Amino acid sequence: MEDCLFCSIVSGAIPSKKVYEDDLCLAFRDINPLAPTHVLVIPKEHIASCAELSEEHEALIGHIFTVIAKLAKELGLKNGFRVVSNSGVDAGQTVGHLHFHVLAGKPMNAKMV
């Protein structure tokens, strides 16, 4: 999608601080971190939000969560981490591309994201 910020990051048109990339997904540091570790994991395929997921995306989402677990180990998130995906404006989604926030490095509270 041409006007999607995250699609532009996937294409390389907008730079990012990548921490992981494969054929299906990309993980990069959030530019406005809400925790000492704040990584975004996104599918390379444009999917607007969780609300657009279907059975055809099951393998992709499973893969993304496997990548999140791998990143947690590589980043040394031994005390735990939070995974958040906002879906829609009322939930606080600000970029219309499915993404998962991986937050860690400090105790979390319910109002964090």
Protein backbone atom coordinates (compact mmCIF):
# COMPACT_ATOMS: atom_id res chain seq x y z
CA MET A 1 0.00 0.00 0.00
CA GLU A 2 1.60 3.25 -1.16
CA ASP A 3 0.63 5.59 1.68
CA CYS A 4 1.29 3.13 4.53
CA LEU A 5 4.17 4.10 6.82
CA PHE A 6 5.04 0.49 7.66
CA CYS A 7 4.86 -0.62 4.01
CA SER A 8 7.38 2.15 3.29
CA ILE A 9 9.62 0.77 6.03
CA VAL A 10 9.28 -2.75 4.60
CA SER A 11 10.25 -1.48 1.12
CA GLY A 12 13.25 0.41 2.50
CA ALA A 13 11.90 3.81 1.43
CA ILE A 14 11.90 4.85 5.10
CA PRO A 15 14.85 3.71 7.24
CA SER A 16 14.42 1.79 10.48
CA LYS A 17 16.58 0.24 13.16
CA LYS A 18 15.97 -3.39 12.19
CA VAL A 19 16.45 -6.12 14.76
CA TYR A 20 15.07 -8.99 12.64
CA GLU A 21 13.90 -9.64 9.09
CA ASP A 22 12.83 -12.65 7.05
CA ASP A 23 10.55 -13.25 4.06
CA LEU A 24 7.36 -12.83 6.12
CA CYS A 25 8.02 -10.21 8.77
CA LEU A 26 10.19 -7.36 9.97
CA ALA A 27 11.07 -6.24 13.50
CA PHE A 28 12.48 -2.82 14.29
CA ARG A 29 12.92 -0.40 17.19
CA ASP A 30 10.02 1.96 17.87
CA ILE A 31 10.99 5.61 17.27
CA ASN A 32 8.98 6.69 20.34
CA PRO A 33 9.70 3.90 22.83
CA LEU A 34 7.37 3.42 25.78
CA ALA A 35 9.82 1.11 27.56
CA PRO A 36 13.60 0.54 27.53
CA THR A 37 12.99 -2.22 24.97
CA HIS A 38 10.24 -1.38 22.48
CA VAL A 39 10.29 -3.33 19.25
CA LEU A 40 7.58 -3.45 16.58
CA VAL A 41 7.03 -6.71 14.72
CA ILE A 42 5.05 -6.39 11.49
CA PRO A 43 4.04 -8.68 8.65
CA LYS A 44 5.51 -7.64 5.31
CA GLU A 45 2.08 -8.21 3.78
CA HIS A 46 -0.17 -5.21 4.27
CA ILE A 47 -2.93 -6.18 6.70
CA ALA A 48 -4.68 -3.16 8.23
CA SER A 49 -5.35 -4.61 11.70
CA CYS A 50 -6.27 -7.72 13.68
CA ALA A 51 -9.83 -7.17 12.48
CA GLU A 52 -8.77 -8.13 8.94
CA LEU A 53 -7.20 -11.45 9.90
CA SER A 54 -8.68 -14.65 8.55
CA GLU A 55 -7.85 -18.35 8.54
CA GLU A 56 -5.41 -17.75 5.67
CA HIS A 57 -3.24 -15.72 8.08
CA GLU A 58 -2.93 -18.42 10.77
CA ALA A 59 0.57 -19.56 9.72
CA LEU A 60 1.78 -15.95 9.41
CA ILE A 61 0.58 -14.99 12.88
CA GLY A 62 2.06 -18.18 14.35
CA HIS A 63 5.35 -17.32 12.66
CA ILE A 64 5.28 -13.77 14.03
CA PHE A 65 4.81 -15.04 17.59
CA THR A 66 7.66 -17.53 17.10
CA VAL A 67 9.82 -14.59 15.97
CA ILE A 68 8.73 -12.61 19.06
CA ALA A 69 9.84 -15.49 21.32
CA LYS A 70 13.18 -15.69 19.48
CA LEU A 71 13.71 -11.93 19.81
CA ALA A 72 12.88 -12.05 23.51
CA LYS A 73 15.70 -14.57 23.99
CA GLU A 74 18.14 -12.66 21.78
CA LEU A 75 17.36 -9.35 23.50
CA GLY A 76 17.74 -10.93 26.95
CA LEU A 77 14.20 -10.22 28.13
CA LYS A 78 14.54 -12.66 31.04
CA ASN A 79 12.22 -10.77 33.40
CA GLY A 80 9.35 -10.85 30.93
CA PHE A 81 7.83 -8.78 28.17
CA ARG A 82 4.47 -7.54 26.96
CA VAL A 83 3.03 -8.01 23.46
CA VAL A 84 0.32 -5.56 22.40
CA SER A 85 -1.62 -5.08 19.18
CA ASN A 86 -4.13 -2.25 18.98
CA SER A 87 -6.93 -2.70 16.47
CA GLY A 88 -8.79 0.38 15.34
CA VAL A 89 -8.90 4.03 16.36
CA ASP A 90 -10.74 3.47 19.65
CA ALA A 91 -8.03 1.00 20.70
CA GLY A 92 -5.28 3.52 19.93
CA GLN A 93 -4.05 2.14 16.60
CA THR A 94 -2.17 5.00 14.93
CA VAL A 95 -0.68 3.17 11.91
CA GLY A 96 -3.09 1.22 9.70
CA HIS A 97 -0.83 -1.82 9.32
CA LEU A 98 -0.99 -4.79 11.67
CA HIS A 99 1.83 -4.58 14.20
CA PHE A 100 2.80 -6.03 17.53
CA HIS A 101 4.55 -3.97 20.19
CA VAL A 102 7.09 -5.94 22.23
CA LEU A 103 7.76 -3.99 25.43
CA ALA A 104 10.20 -4.84 28.21
CA GLY A 105 12.88 -3.55 30.52
CA LYS A 106 10.74 -2.18 33.32
CA PRO A 107 7.70 -3.28 35.33
CA MET A 108 4.53 -2.85 33.29
CA ASN A 109 1.24 -1.44 34.47
CA ALA A 110 -2.23 -1.83 32.99
CA LYS A 111 -2.21 1.69 31.50
CA MET A 112 1.11 1.32 29.66
CA VAL A 113 -0.25 0.90 26.12
